[in-house]
Amino acid sequence: MDMDHGSDDSTSTAKSCPMIMVFHAGHCERILWRGWVASTVTEFVLSAIAIFVVSFLYEALKFLRQHLARRVARKEAERMAEEQRRKNDNPSGCTGCSDAPLAEAREKSYWQRLLDSTHIIQSLLNLLQIVVSYLLMLIFMTFNYWLCLAVVLGLGFGYFFFGWNKKTPDESECCP
């Protein structure tokens, strides 16, 4: 019984590796795309290193998104505090000062918040994070021990370098 799911005769001269659907430790793997075939040990090791780096950068991307969100929240809190301070400040002994209140800053509308540059950047980074996470999942699903280890170690080292920056234990990746 032939288990090659996508065989066509036009690629019979290209490098080919079997799709093994159980955990294994071979060095011949088709990774993600038809063109990414690691058929030699050198190609396989370089692929595993690349996967480790992508996994590490995935954690860096999560850190970057959290950092940008915190920075925006901090700026907004500072703006609100400054607005509150101005509202509460009423200097006594001010001659020639008007009692007319200053114009209050308007809340942004839904469309203004939606089209805000920081929201667009966060959305694009979120999209990139989702794509990379699914690609890493598909790499893990090659069931190759070494590629699985490259994904897990890359994520682990990435968390070690970037995950320490969580301000509270409540900050979780899964649930807002």
Foldseek 3Di string as FASTA:
>chain_A
DDPPPDDDPVCPVPDDDDQDQAADADQWDDADDPPQTRHDNVSSVVVLLVLLQLLLVLLVLVLVLVVLVVVVVVVVVVVVVVLVVVVPDDDPPDPPDDPDDDDHDDDDDPVCVCPPPSNVVSVVSVVVSVVSVVSLVRQVSSNHPSSVVSNVNSNVVSCVVRVVPDPDPVDDPPDD
